[in-house]
């Protein structure tokens, strides 16, 4: 596979036809859920990419992810990157998803509507085996999504869907000290911490724009800074653990059904994506790239085996596009399939 710079691509603006999450949400109880391609009224997602340096972190073969079946039940699973063995951790009949590991890999944080009305999600944690579930938020008037622990495990970044918009929020790991720190936005998703915990990267649609860009929030100064702003929607940021590379996904050539992963050098001040490296180049969607703890491997989701499928926009839609989990080396080579579940849609893998 030839790695390409963004300047090799012909990308045209979307305007109001924004594709904001071709694999992840419905920005309201009827809009946000899992997966890509979210909103009929404006949001439809795209997602994340990788490339970079090295890390001394130990190998961690267990990947946590969400899987939505043909009944529209979403649950949390794990898959072993070495053996391909899977294990189901939650067994709900609505939504348990958006999982993320704690830094010590002893607990998993996730979003669920198990204790409220459908679509009104709160945040929970559970042990790595799925036991010892603890509720962190109890907010019947808003929904919380896509939570991630800080590198030291003391704080959580997440997004809030409230009546007046979407917010980037922070709280302590035990659920206390909940704060909305940026927003309101038309939409926001997928916060991801920088290596030292001083910044949180996230994707959002600001009030004066019609597509998503990637921003960073400085925890101490509270400054919000644009990091990636291409003519298309840019979503699902993740950072390599060595602090060198920002991973994200965006649509290619103005085609919202063609999403690929890109790697941005964090030492660069360029926000246009013109010099970013394209890591995937297949028909369909390649989304939500997330690096392993040692930065040697990237996990991502793809529907490349059936790229003609379209994503369900409603949480209870009968058809489900077949997105599976894949792995690739940090430079984009050696792409290989990890899960093969024709009746389900895998999403949001975290290593």
C-alpha atoms as a PDB file:
ATOM      1  CA  UNK A   1       0.000   0.000   0.000  1.00  0.00           C
ATOM      2  CA  UNK A   2       1.396   3.384  -0.977  1.00  0.00           C
ATOM      3  CA  UNK A   3       1.256   5.945   1.788  1.00  0.00           C
ATOM      4  CA  UNK A   4      -0.117   9.211   0.472  1.00  0.00           C
ATOM      5  CA  UNK A   5      -0.071  12.787   1.608  1.00  0.00           C
ATOM      6  CA  UNK A   6      -3.355  14.626   1.877  1.00  0.00           C
ATOM      7  CA  UNK A   7      -2.324  16.670  -1.172  1.00  0.00           C
ATOM      8  CA  UNK A   8      -2.806  13.512  -3.270  1.00  0.00           C
ATOM      9  CA  UNK A   9      -6.556  13.654  -2.544  1.00  0.00           C
ATOM     10  CA  UNK A  10      -9.357  15.635  -4.066  1.00  0.00           C
ATOM     11  CA  UNK A  11     -11.646  16.554  -1.186  1.00  0.00           C
ATOM     12  CA  UNK A  12     -14.519  18.966  -1.635  1.00  0.00           C
ATOM     13  CA  UNK A  13     -16.508  20.712   1.051  1.00  0.00           C
ATOM     14  CA  UNK A  14     -19.709  19.133   2.306  1.00  0.00           C
ATOM     15  CA  UNK A  15     -21.587  22.232   3.378  1.00  0.00           C
ATOM     16  CA  UNK A  16     -24.788  21.136   5.039  1.00  0.00           C
ATOM     17  CA  UNK A  17     -24.339  17.556   3.839  1.00  0.00           C
ATOM     18  CA  UNK A  18     -21.947  16.924   6.633  1.00  0.00           C
ATOM     19  CA  UNK A  19     -20.945  13.392   7.406  1.00  0.00           C
ATOM     20  CA  UNK A  20     -20.252  13.432  11.042  1.00  0.00           C
ATOM     21  CA  UNK A  21     -20.072  10.014  12.215  1.00  0.00           C
ATOM     22  CA  UNK A  22     -20.408   7.443   9.732  1.00  0.00           C
ATOM     23  CA  UNK A  23     -20.039   5.028  12.516  1.00  0.00           C
ATOM     24  CA  UNK A  24     -21.125   6.327  15.706  1.00  0.00           C
ATOM     25  CA  UNK A  25     -24.052   8.349  16.945  1.00  0.00           C
ATOM     26  CA  UNK A  26     -27.397   9.953  16.885  1.00  0.00           C
ATOM     27  CA  UNK A  27     -27.008  13.311  18.656  1.00  0.00           C
ATOM     28  CA  UNK A  28     -30.169  12.876  20.679  1.00  0.00           C
ATOM     29  CA  UNK A  29     -31.979   9.882  22.121  1.00  0.00           C
ATOM     30  CA  UNK A  30     -33.156   9.142  18.588  1.00  0.00           C
ATOM     31  CA  UNK A  31     -29.845  10.044  17.011  1.00  0.00           C
ATOM     32  CA  UNK A  32     -26.935   8.964  19.138  1.00  0.00           C
ATOM     33  CA  UNK A  33     -26.272   5.350  19.812  1.00  0.00           C
ATOM     34  CA  UNK A  34     -23.283   3.614  18.356  1.00  0.00           C
ATOM     35  CA  UNK A  35     -21.706   3.321  15.092  1.00  0.00           C
ATOM     36  CA  UNK A  36     -20.997   5.582  12.287  1.00  0.00           C
ATOM     37  CA  UNK A  37     -23.307   7.671  10.233  1.00  0.00           C
ATOM     38  CA  UNK A  38     -25.420   9.313  12.741  1.00  0.00           C
ATOM     39  CA  UNK A  39     -27.845  12.117  11.980  1.00  0.00           C
ATOM     40  CA  UNK A  40     -30.416  12.521   9.313  1.00  0.00           C
ATOM     41  CA  UNK A  41     -30.719  16.196  10.121  1.00  0.00           C
ATOM     42  CA  UNK A  42     -27.082  17.019   9.823  1.00  0.00           C
ATOM     43  CA  UNK A  43     -24.623  14.699  11.493  1.00  0.00           C
ATOM     44  CA  UNK A  44     -23.164  11.601  10.048  1.00  0.00           C
ATOM     45  CA  UNK A  45     -19.782  10.546  11.275  1.00  0.00           C
ATOM     46  CA  UNK A  46     -16.338   9.772  10.115  1.00  0.00           C
ATOM     47  CA  UNK A  47     -13.466   8.923  12.314  1.00  0.00           C
ATOM     48  CA  UNK A  48      -9.739   8.358  13.287  1.00  0.00           C
ATOM     49  CA  UNK A  49      -6.144   7.447  12.129  1.00  0.00           C
ATOM     50  CA  UNK A  50      -2.526   6.685  13.100  1.00  0.00           C
ATOM     51  CA  UNK A  51       1.225   6.628  12.457  1.00  0.00           C
ATOM     52  CA  UNK A  52       4.297   7.504  14.505  1.00  0.00           C
ATOM     53  CA  UNK A  53       7.085   6.578  16.929  1.00  0.00           C
ATOM     54  CA  UNK A  54       7.626   4.087  19.729  1.00  0.00           C
ATOM     55  CA  UNK A  55       6.713   3.320  23.307  1.00  0.00           C
ATOM     56  CA  UNK A  56       8.059   1.217  26.153  1.00  0.00           C
ATOM     57  CA  UNK A  57       4.550   0.236  27.305  1.00  0.00           C
ATOM     58  CA  UNK A  58       3.974  -3.489  27.819  1.00  0.00           C
ATOM     59  CA  UNK A  59       1.977  -5.457  25.277  1.00  0.00           C
ATOM     60  CA  UNK A  60      -1.780  -5.515  25.916  1.00  0.00           C
ATOM     61  CA  UNK A  61      -3.580  -8.012  23.677  1.00  0.00           C
ATOM     62  CA  UNK A  62      -7.109  -7.413  25.022  1.00  0.00           C
ATOM     63  CA  UNK A  63      -9.246  -4.919  23.082  1.00  0.00           C
ATOM     64  CA  UNK A  64     -12.599  -3.749  24.450  1.00  0.00           C
ATOM     65  CA  UNK A  65     -15.321  -2.707  21.996  1.00  0.00           C
ATOM     66  CA  UNK A  66     -19.060  -2.461  21.485  1.00  0.00           C
ATOM     67  CA  UNK A  67     -21.089  -4.731  19.232  1.00  0.00           C
ATOM     68  CA  UNK A  68     -24.601  -4.056  17.970  1.00  0.00           C
ATOM     69  CA  UNK A  69     -26.549  -7.068  16.746  1.00  0.00           C
ATOM     70  CA  UNK A  70     -29.440  -7.417  14.318  1.00  0.00           C
ATOM     71  CA  UNK A  71     -31.929  -6.844  17.163  1.00  0.00           C
ATOM     72  CA  UNK A  72     -30.345  -3.403  17.771  1.00  0.00           C
ATOM     73  CA  UNK A  73     -28.956  -4.558  21.146  1.00  0.00           C
ATOM     74  CA  UNK A  74     -25.550  -3.014  21.828  1.00  0.00           C
ATOM     75  CA  UNK A  75     -23.212  -4.679  24.336  1.00  0.00           C
ATOM     76  CA  UNK A  76     -19.587  -4.546  25.458  1.00  0.00           C
ATOM     77  CA  UNK A  77     -17.176  -7.273  24.381  1.00  0.00           C
ATOM     78  CA  UNK A  78     -13.442  -7.951  24.426  1.00  0.00           C
ATOM     79  CA  UNK A  79     -11.288  -9.601  21.778  1.00  0.00           C
ATOM     80  CA  UNK A  80      -7.748 -10.916  22.169  1.00  0.00           C
ATOM     81  CA  UNK A  81      -5.543  -9.459  19.442  1.00  0.00           C
ATOM     82  CA  UNK A  82      -3.312 -12.552  19.499  1.00  0.00           C
ATOM     83  CA  UNK A  83      -5.815 -15.406  19.729  1.00  0.00           C
ATOM     84  CA  UNK A  84      -8.921 -13.663  18.264  1.00  0.00           C
ATOM     85  CA  UNK A  85     -10.933 -15.037  21.170  1.00  0.00           C
ATOM     86  CA  UNK A  86     -13.954 -12.909  22.122  1.00  0.00           C
ATOM     87  CA  UNK A  87     -15.910 -12.520  25.358  1.00  0.00           C
ATOM     88  CA  UNK A  88     -19.214 -10.750  25.976  1.00  0.00           C
ATOM     89  CA  UNK A  89     -19.186  -8.588  29.129  1.00  0.00           C
ATOM     90  CA  UNK A  90     -22.672  -7.022  29.176  1.00  0.00           C
ATOM     91  CA  UNK A  91     -25.976  -8.622  28.230  1.00  0.00           C
ATOM     92  CA  UNK A  92     -28.443  -5.755  27.963  1.00  0.00           C
ATOM     93  CA  UNK A  93     -31.331  -5.376  25.552  1.00  0.00           C
ATOM     94  CA  UNK A  94     -30.767  -1.665  24.838  1.00  0.00           C
ATOM     95  CA  UNK A  95     -27.433   0.147  24.852  1.00  0.00           C
ATOM     96  CA  UNK A  96     -24.199  -0.645  26.678  1.00  0.00           C
ATOM     97  CA  UNK A  97     -21.394   0.855  24.628  1.00  0.00           C
ATOM     98  CA  UNK A  98     -18.612   3.415  24.192  1.00  0.00           C
ATOM     99  CA  UNK A  99     -16.210   1.328  26.307  1.00  0.00           C
ATOM    100  CA  UNK A 100     -12.733   2.474  27.351  1.00  0.00           C
ATOM    101  CA  UNK A 101     -10.003   0.941  29.502  1.00  0.00           C
ATOM    102  CA  UNK A 102      -8.637   2.435  32.704  1.00  0.00           C
ATOM    103  CA  UNK A 103      -4.851   2.972  32.466  1.00  0.00           C
ATOM    104  CA  UNK A 104      -4.154  -0.143  34.567  1.00  0.00           C
ATOM    105  CA  UNK A 105      -6.644  -2.198  32.517  1.00  0.00           C
ATOM    106  CA  UNK A 106      -8.467  -3.244  35.664  1.00  0.00           C
ATOM    107  CA  UNK A 107     -11.727  -1.425  34.864  1.00  0.00           C
ATOM    108  CA  UNK A 108     -13.793  -0.421  31.839  1.00  0.00           C
ATOM    109  CA  UNK A 109     -15.817   2.770  31.617  1.00  0.00           C
ATOM    110  CA  UNK A 110     -18.914   2.685  29.401  1.00  0.00           C
ATOM    111  CA  UNK A 111     -22.155   4.492  28.559  1.00  0.00           C
ATOM    112  CA  UNK A 112     -25.552   2.884  29.155  1.00  0.00           C
ATOM    113  CA  UNK A 113     -29.276   3.602  29.282  1.00  0.00           C
ATOM    114  CA  UNK A 114     -29.920   0.566  31.505  1.00  0.00           C
ATOM    115  CA  UNK A 115     -31.318   2.578  34.435  1.00  0.00           C
ATOM    116  CA  UNK A 116     -33.399   5.120  32.546  1.00  0.00           C
ATOM    117  CA  UNK A 117     -35.460   5.695  29.455  1.00  0.00           C
ATOM    118  CA  UNK A 118     -33.993   4.559  26.133  1.00  0.00           C
ATOM    119  CA  UNK A 119     -31.430   7.017  24.823  1.00  0.00           C
ATOM    120  CA  UNK A 120     -30.822   8.754  28.166  1.00  0.00           C
ATOM    121  CA  UNK A 121     -27.369   7.458  28.916  1.00  0.00           C
ATOM    122  CA  UNK A 122     -25.232   7.620  32.039  1.00  0.00           C
ATOM    123  CA  UNK A 123     -21.645   6.539  32.658  1.00  0.00           C
ATOM    124  CA  UNK A 124     -20.659   3.377  34.497  1.00  0.00           C
ATOM    125  CA  UNK A 125     -17.543   1.365  35.223  1.00  0.00           C
ATOM    126  CA  UNK A 126     -17.114  -2.367  35.587  1.00  0.00           C
ATOM    127  CA  UNK A 127     -14.241  -4.747  36.196  1.00  0.00           C
ATOM    128  CA  UNK A 128     -12.354  -6.251  33.267  1.00  0.00           C
ATOM    129  CA  UNK A 129     -14.513  -9.370  33.637  1.00  0.00           C
ATOM    130  CA  UNK A 130     -17.786  -7.426  33.479  1.00  0.00           C
ATOM    131  CA  UNK A 131     -18.494  -7.672  37.219  1.00  0.00           C
ATOM    132  CA  UNK A 132     -18.720  -4.972  39.922  1.00  0.00           C
ATOM    133  CA  UNK A 133     -20.700  -2.412  37.905  1.00  0.00           C
ATOM    134  CA  UNK A 134     -20.638   1.076  39.462  1.00  0.00           C
ATOM    135  CA  UNK A 135     -22.679   4.069  38.313  1.00  0.00           C
ATOM    136  CA  UNK A 136     -20.765   7.349  37.936  1.00  0.00           C
ATOM    137  CA  UNK A 137     -23.438   9.767  36.664  1.00  0.00           C
ATOM    138  CA  UNK A 138     -27.152  10.089  37.342  1.00  0.00           C
ATOM    139  CA  UNK A 139     -28.478  12.842  35.099  1.00  0.00           C
ATOM    140  CA  UNK A 140     -32.001  12.158  33.807  1.00  0.00           C
ATOM    141  CA  UNK A 141     -32.088  15.404  31.813  1.00  0.00           C
ATOM    142  CA  UNK A 142     -28.914  14.804  29.746  1.00  0.00           C
ATOM    143  CA  UNK A 143     -26.945  11.936  28.220  1.00  0.00           C
ATOM    144  CA  UNK A 144     -23.242  11.182  28.689  1.00  0.00           C
ATOM    145  CA  UNK A 145     -21.180   9.450  26.018  1.00  0.00           C
ATOM    146  CA  UNK A 146     -17.694   8.352  24.872  1.00  0.00           C
ATOM    147  CA  UNK A 147     -15.811   8.602  28.179  1.00  0.00           C
ATOM    148  CA  UNK A 148     -12.036   8.170  28.478  1.00  0.00           C
ATOM    149  CA  UNK A 149      -9.816   7.972  31.556  1.00  0.00           C
ATOM    150  CA  UNK A 150      -6.885  10.379  31.860  1.00  0.00           C
ATOM    151  CA  UNK A 151      -3.398   8.805  31.656  1.00  0.00           C
ATOM    152  CA  UNK A 152      -3.070   8.830  35.455  1.00  0.00           C
ATOM    153  CA  UNK A 153      -6.563   7.398  35.903  1.00  0.00           C
ATOM    154  CA  UNK A 154      -7.723  10.257  38.130  1.00  0.00           C
ATOM    155  CA  UNK A 155     -10.060  12.046  35.734  1.00  0.00           C
ATOM    156  CA  UNK A 156     -12.541  11.257  32.975  1.00  0.00           C
ATOM    157  CA  UNK A 157     -13.244  13.220  29.800  1.00  0.00           C
ATOM    158  CA  UNK A 158     -16.626  12.694  28.140  1.00  0.00           C
ATOM    159  CA  UNK A 159     -19.322  14.499  26.162  1.00  0.00           C
ATOM    160  CA  UNK A 160     -22.739  15.628  27.362  1.00  0.00           C
ATOM    161  CA  UNK A 161     -25.787  15.913  25.128  1.00  0.00           C
ATOM    162  CA  UNK A 162     -27.976  18.569  26.772  1.00  0.00           C
ATOM    163  CA  UNK A 163     -31.049  20.491  25.632  1.00  0.00           C
ATOM    164  CA  UNK A 164     -28.959  23.464  24.504  1.00  0.00           C
ATOM    165  CA  UNK A 165     -26.207  21.502  22.752  1.00  0.00           C
ATOM    166  CA  UNK A 166     -23.202  19.270  23.227  1.00  0.00           C
ATOM    167  CA  UNK A 167     -20.413  19.862  25.751  1.00  0.00           C
ATOM    168  CA  UNK A 168     -16.949  18.530  26.421  1.00  0.00           C
ATOM    169  CA  UNK A 169     -16.940  17.646  30.122  1.00  0.00           C
ATOM    170  CA  UNK A 170     -14.528  16.480  32.818  1.00  0.00           C
ATOM    171  CA  UNK A 171     -15.056  14.760  36.157  1.00  0.00           C
ATOM    172  CA  UNK A 172     -13.101  12.857  38.784  1.00  0.00           C
ATOM    173  CA  UNK A 173     -12.761   9.117  38.252  1.00  0.00           C
ATOM    174  CA  UNK A 174     -15.314   8.429  40.996  1.00  0.00           C
ATOM    175  CA  UNK A 175     -17.960  10.580  39.267  1.00  0.00           C
ATOM    176  CA  UNK A 176     -17.568  13.656  41.452  1.00  0.00           C
ATOM    177  CA  UNK A 177     -16.736  17.204  40.352  1.00  0.00           C
ATOM    178  CA  UNK A 178     -18.594  17.076  37.029  1.00  0.00           C
ATOM    179  CA  UNK A 179     -17.816  20.124  34.891  1.00  0.00           C
ATOM    180  CA  UNK A 180     -18.789  21.248  31.394  1.00  0.00           C
ATOM    181  CA  UNK A 181     -15.582  22.796  30.100  1.00  0.00           C
ATOM    182  CA  UNK A 182     -16.209  23.571  26.404  1.00  0.00           C
ATOM    183  CA  UNK A 183     -19.347  24.170  24.364  1.00  0.00           C
ATOM    184  CA  UNK A 184     -22.176  24.254  23.632  1.00  0.00           C
ATOM    185  CA  UNK A 185     -21.569  22.779  20.195  1.00  0.00           C
ATOM    186  CA  UNK A 186     -23.922  21.512  17.518  1.00  0.00           C
ATOM    187  CA  UNK A 187     -22.292  18.150  18.127  1.00  0.00           C
ATOM    188  CA  UNK A 188     -19.255  16.731  19.930  1.00  0.00           C
ATOM    189  CA  UNK A 189     -17.742  13.297  20.404  1.00  0.00           C
ATOM    190  CA  UNK A 190     -14.759  11.087  21.231  1.00  0.00           C
ATOM    191  CA  UNK A 191     -12.525  12.976  23.659  1.00  0.00           C
ATOM    192  CA  UNK A 192      -8.997  11.592  23.852  1.00  0.00           C
ATOM    193  CA  UNK A 193      -6.259  12.591  26.304  1.00  0.00           C
ATOM    194  CA  UNK A 194      -2.767  13.740  25.423  1.00  0.00           C
ATOM    195  CA  UNK A 195       0.067  11.686  26.882  1.00  0.00           C
ATOM    196  CA  UNK A 196       0.693  13.996  29.867  1.00  0.00           C
ATOM    197  CA  UNK A 197      -2.972  14.633  30.652  1.00  0.00           C
ATOM    198  CA  UNK A 198      -2.697  18.355  29.998  1.00  0.00           C
ATOM    199  CA  UNK A 199      -4.871  18.379  26.883  1.00  0.00           C
ATOM    200  CA  UNK A 200      -8.025  16.669  25.689  1.00  0.00           C
ATOM    201  CA  UNK A 201      -8.608  16.271  21.956  1.00  0.00           C
ATOM    202  CA  UNK A 202     -12.142  15.975  20.635  1.00  0.00           C
ATOM    203  CA  UNK A 203     -14.257  16.357  17.507  1.00  0.00           C
ATOM    204  CA  UNK A 204     -17.012  18.969  17.365  1.00  0.00           C
ATOM    205  CA  UNK A 205     -19.225  21.070  15.127  1.00  0.00           C
ATOM    206  CA  UNK A 206     -19.102  24.654  16.298  1.00  0.00           C
ATOM    207  CA  UNK A 207     -22.101  26.957  16.037  1.00  0.00           C
ATOM    208  CA  UNK A 208     -20.682  28.732  12.980  1.00  0.00           C
ATOM    209  CA  UNK A 209     -19.742  25.610  10.998  1.00  0.00           C
ATOM    210  CA  UNK A 210     -21.534  22.773   9.250  1.00  0.00           C
ATOM    211  CA  UNK A 211     -18.932  20.024   9.529  1.00  0.00           C
ATOM    212  CA  UNK A 212     -16.806  18.604  12.316  1.00  0.00           C
ATOM    213  CA  UNK A 213     -13.228  19.607  13.068  1.00  0.00           C
ATOM    214  CA  UNK A 214     -10.777  18.364  15.681  1.00  0.00           C
ATOM    215  CA  UNK A 215      -9.931  20.589  18.639  1.00  0.00           C
ATOM    216  CA  UNK A 216      -7.812  20.409  21.769  1.00  0.00           C
ATOM    217  CA  UNK A 217      -8.763  21.691  25.202  1.00  0.00           C
ATOM    218  CA  UNK A 218      -6.032  22.813  27.606  1.00  0.00           C
ATOM    219  CA  UNK A 219      -7.001  21.565  31.066  1.00  0.00           C
ATOM    220  CA  UNK A 220      -5.160  24.364  32.908  1.00  0.00           C
ATOM    221  CA  UNK A 221      -5.758  27.407  30.707  1.00  0.00           C
ATOM    222  CA  UNK A 222      -9.148  26.204  29.365  1.00  0.00           C
ATOM    223  CA  UNK A 223      -8.078  27.337  25.890  1.00  0.00           C
ATOM    224  CA  UNK A 224      -9.650  25.563  22.910  1.00  0.00           C
ATOM    225  CA  UNK A 225      -7.442  25.258  19.837  1.00  0.00           C
ATOM    226  CA  UNK A 226      -8.197  24.020  16.303  1.00  0.00           C
ATOM    227  CA  UNK A 227      -6.011  21.034  15.401  1.00  0.00           C
ATOM    228  CA  UNK A 228      -7.482  19.645  12.165  1.00  0.00           C
ATOM    229  CA  UNK A 229      -9.886  21.431   9.840  1.00  0.00           C
ATOM    230  CA  UNK A 230     -10.210  19.938   6.369  1.00  0.00           C
ATOM    231  CA  UNK A 231     -13.049  20.561   3.888  1.00  0.00           C
ATOM    232  CA  UNK A 232     -14.709  17.355   5.129  1.00  0.00           C
ATOM    233  CA  UNK A 233     -15.789  16.246   8.600  1.00  0.00           C
ATOM    234  CA  UNK A 234     -12.809  15.244  10.776  1.00  0.00           C
ATOM    235  CA  UNK A 235     -13.581  12.997  13.710  1.00  0.00           C
ATOM    236  CA  UNK A 236     -12.542  10.399  16.311  1.00  0.00           C
ATOM    237  CA  UNK A 237      -9.104  11.706  17.311  1.00  0.00           C
ATOM    238  CA  UNK A 238      -6.638   9.443  19.114  1.00  0.00           C
ATOM    239  CA  UNK A 239      -3.032  10.130  20.038  1.00  0.00           C
ATOM    240  CA  UNK A 240      -0.127   7.739  20.005  1.00  0.00           C
ATOM    241  CA  UNK A 241       1.287   7.140  23.467  1.00  0.00           C
ATOM    242  CA  UNK A 242       4.659   8.624  22.536  1.00  0.00           C
ATOM    243  CA  UNK A 243       2.945  11.964  21.882  1.00  0.00           C
ATOM    244  CA  UNK A 244       4.086  12.216  18.271  1.00  0.00           C
ATOM    245  CA  UNK A 245       1.007  11.541  16.218  1.00  0.00           C
ATOM    246  CA  UNK A 246      -2.660  12.482  16.100  1.00  0.00           C
ATOM    247  CA  UNK A 247      -4.852   9.850  14.477  1.00  0.00           C
ATOM    248  CA  UNK A 248      -8.165  10.765  12.857  1.00  0.00           C
ATOM    249  CA  UNK A 249     -10.523   9.838  10.015  1.00  0.00           C
ATOM    250  CA  UNK A 250     -12.145  11.842   7.281  1.00  0.00           C
ATOM    251  CA  UNK A 251     -13.973  11.260   4.019  1.00  0.00           C
ATOM    252  CA  UNK A 252     -12.068  11.115   0.771  1.00  0.00           C
ATOM    253  CA  UNK A 253     -12.792  12.791  -2.531  1.00  0.00           C
ATOM    254  CA  UNK A 254     -16.082  14.243  -1.367  1.00  0.00           C
ATOM    255  CA  UNK A 255     -17.551  10.737  -1.055  1.00  0.00           C
ATOM    256  CA  UNK A 256     -19.205  10.234   2.335  1.00  0.00           C
ATOM    257  CA  UNK A 257     -19.147   6.455   1.862  1.00  0.00           C
ATOM    258  CA  UNK A 258     -15.361   6.468   1.517  1.00  0.00           C
ATOM    259  CA  UNK A 259     -13.752   7.136   4.908  1.00  0.00           C
ATOM    260  CA  UNK A 260     -10.039   6.631   5.544  1.00  0.00           C
ATOM    261  CA  UNK A 261      -7.560   6.963   8.385  1.00  0.00           C
ATOM    262  CA  UNK A 262      -4.881   9.640   8.501  1.00  0.00           C
ATOM    263  CA  UNK A 263      -1.881  10.442  10.682  1.00  0.00           C
ATOM    264  CA  UNK A 264      -0.976  14.003  11.667  1.00  0.00           C
ATOM    265  CA  UNK A 265       2.458  14.976  13.006  1.00  0.00           C
ATOM    266  CA  UNK A 266       1.806  16.755  16.303  1.00  0.00           C
ATOM    267  CA  UNK A 267       4.979  18.813  15.947  1.00  0.00           C
ATOM    268  CA  UNK A 268       3.375  20.558  12.957  1.00  0.00           C
ATOM    269  CA  UNK A 269       1.230  23.682  13.308  1.00  0.00           C
ATOM    270  CA  UNK A 270      -0.556  22.959  10.030  1.00  0.00           C
ATOM    271  CA  UNK A 271      -4.284  22.422  10.582  1.00  0.00           C
ATOM    272  CA  UNK A 272      -5.352  21.799   6.975  1.00  0.00           C
ATOM    273  CA  UNK A 273      -4.370  18.123   6.771  1.00  0.00           C
ATOM    274  CA  UNK A 274      -2.405  18.853   3.590  1.00  0.00           C
ATOM    275  CA  UNK A 275       0.694  17.010   4.804  1.00  0.00           C
ATOM    276  CA  UNK A 276      -0.991  14.250   6.773  1.00  0.00           C
ATOM    277  CA  UNK A 277      -0.304  10.649   5.837  1.00  0.00           C
ATOM    278  CA  UNK A 278      -3.107   8.441   4.599  1.00  0.00           C
ATOM    279  CA  UNK A 279      -2.935   5.021   6.245  1.00  0.00           C
ATOM    280  CA  UNK A 280      -5.866   3.198   4.637  1.00  0.00           C
ATOM    281  CA  UNK A 281      -6.989   3.148   1.040  1.00  0.00           C
ATOM    282  CA  UNK A 282      -9.895   0.771   0.471  1.00  0.00           C
ATOM    283  CA  UNK A 283     -13.520   1.238  -0.583  1.00  0.00           C
ATOM    284  CA  UNK A 284     -15.984   1.874   2.202  1.00  0.00           C
ATOM    285  CA  UNK A 285     -15.304   2.977   5.741  1.00  0.00           C
ATOM    286  CA  UNK A 286     -12.055   2.716   7.709  1.00  0.00           C
ATOM    287  CA  UNK A 287     -12.694   4.392  11.023  1.00  0.00           C
ATOM    288  CA  UNK A 288     -11.794   4.903  14.686  1.00  0.00           C
ATOM    289  CA  UNK A 289      -8.061   4.162  14.584  1.00  0.00           C
ATOM    290  CA  UNK A 290      -6.673   3.596  18.075  1.00  0.00           C
ATOM    291  CA  UNK A 291      -3.038   2.723  18.895  1.00  0.00           C
ATOM    292  CA  UNK A 292      -1.916  -0.157  21.094  1.00  0.00           C
ATOM    293  CA  UNK A 293      -0.137   0.722  24.370  1.00  0.00           C
ATOM    294  CA  UNK A 294       3.262   0.111  22.727  1.00  0.00           C
ATOM    295  CA  UNK A 295       2.255   2.153  19.640  1.00  0.00           C
ATOM    296  CA  UNK A 296       3.247  -0.679  17.298  1.00  0.00           C
ATOM    297  CA  UNK A 297      -0.255  -1.614  16.165  1.00  0.00           C
ATOM    298  CA  UNK A 298      -3.447   0.266  15.357  1.00  0.00           C
ATOM    299  CA  UNK A 299      -6.885  -1.206  15.845  1.00  0.00           C
ATOM    300  CA  UNK A 300      -9.668   0.189  13.661  1.00  0.00           C
ATOM    301  CA  UNK A 301     -13.078  -0.658  12.230  1.00  0.00           C
ATOM    302  CA  UNK A 302     -13.932  -1.217   8.585  1.00  0.00           C
ATOM    303  CA  UNK A 303     -16.736  -2.358   6.316  1.00  0.00           C
ATOM    304  CA  UNK A 304     -14.332  -2.986   3.428  1.00  0.00           C
ATOM    305  CA  UNK A 305     -15.701  -6.502   2.890  1.00  0.00           C
ATOM    306  CA  UNK A 306     -19.128  -5.022   2.081  1.00  0.00           C
ATOM    307  CA  UNK A 307     -18.522  -1.340   1.258  1.00  0.00           C
ATOM    308  CA  UNK A 308     -21.856  -0.913  -0.501  1.00  0.00           C
ATOM    309  CA  UNK A 309     -23.803  -1.180   2.727  1.00  0.00           C
ATOM    310  CA  UNK A 310     -25.182   1.963   4.292  1.00  0.00           C
ATOM    311  CA  UNK A 311     -25.309   2.598   7.999  1.00  0.00           C
ATOM    312  CA  UNK A 312     -28.570   2.619   9.934  1.00  0.00           C
ATOM    313  CA  UNK A 313     -29.361   6.134  11.117  1.00  0.00           C
ATOM    314  CA  UNK A 314     -31.859   5.153  13.812  1.00  0.00           C
ATOM    315  CA  UNK A 315     -31.100   3.131  16.923  1.00  0.00           C
ATOM    316  CA  UNK A 316     -33.864   0.633  16.185  1.00  0.00           C
ATOM    317  CA  UNK A 317     -33.372   0.272  12.451  1.00  0.00           C
ATOM    318  CA  UNK A 318     -33.646  -3.315  11.283  1.00  0.00           C
ATOM    319  CA  UNK A 319     -30.576  -3.436   9.067  1.00  0.00           C
ATOM    320  CA  UNK A 320     -27.064  -3.201  10.451  1.00  0.00           C
ATOM    321  CA  UNK A 321     -23.992  -2.586   8.330  1.00  0.00           C
ATOM    322  CA  UNK A 322     -21.280  -5.182   8.862  1.00  0.00           C
ATOM    323  CA  UNK A 323     -18.314  -3.339  10.321  1.00  0.00           C
ATOM    324  CA  UNK A 324     -15.600  -5.523  11.783  1.00  0.00           C
ATOM    325  CA  UNK A 325     -12.426  -4.908  13.758  1.00  0.00           C
ATOM    326  CA  UNK A 326      -9.103  -4.837  11.947  1.00  0.00           C
ATOM    327  CA  UNK A 327      -5.462  -4.369  12.891  1.00  0.00           C
ATOM    328  CA  UNK A 328      -2.575  -2.762  11.044  1.00  0.00           C
ATOM    329  CA  UNK A 329       1.008  -1.840  11.789  1.00  0.00           C
ATOM    330  CA  UNK A 330       1.711   1.737  12.806  1.00  0.00           C
ATOM    331  CA  UNK A 331       2.793   2.680   9.300  1.00  0.00           C
ATOM    332  CA  UNK A 332      -0.436   1.349   7.802  1.00  0.00           C
ATOM    333  CA  UNK A 333       1.035  -1.910   6.525  1.00  0.00           C
ATOM    334  CA  UNK A 334      -0.053  -5.465   7.272  1.00  0.00           C
ATOM    335  CA  UNK A 335      -3.771  -4.743   7.521  1.00  0.00           C
ATOM    336  CA  UNK A 336      -5.655  -7.791   8.751  1.00  0.00           C
ATOM    337  CA  UNK A 337      -9.131  -8.682   9.949  1.00  0.00           C
ATOM    338  CA  UNK A 338      -9.646  -9.499  13.635  1.00  0.00           C
ATOM    339  CA  UNK A 339     -13.413 -10.159  13.882  1.00  0.00           C
ATOM    340  CA  UNK A 340     -15.838 -11.612  11.363  1.00  0.00           C
ATOM    341  CA  UNK A 341     -19.462 -11.220  12.498  1.00  0.00           C
ATOM    342  CA  UNK A 342     -21.862 -10.861   9.544  1.00  0.00           C
ATOM    343  CA  UNK A 343     -24.860 -10.147  11.776  1.00  0.00           C
ATOM    344  CA  UNK A 344     -23.294  -7.512  14.009  1.00  0.00           C
ATOM    345  CA  UNK A 345     -21.556  -4.171  13.842  1.00  0.00           C
ATOM    346  CA  UNK A 346     -18.388  -3.728  15.875  1.00  0.00           C
ATOM    347  CA  UNK A 347     -17.332  -0.240  16.873  1.00  0.00           C
ATOM    348  CA  UNK A 348     -15.254   1.958  19.195  1.00  0.00           C
ATOM    349  CA  UNK A 349     -12.332  -0.407  19.960  1.00  0.00           C
ATOM    350  CA  UNK A 350     -10.038   0.612  22.829  1.00  0.00           C
ATOM    351  CA  UNK A 351      -6.712  -1.000  23.623  1.00  0.00           C
END
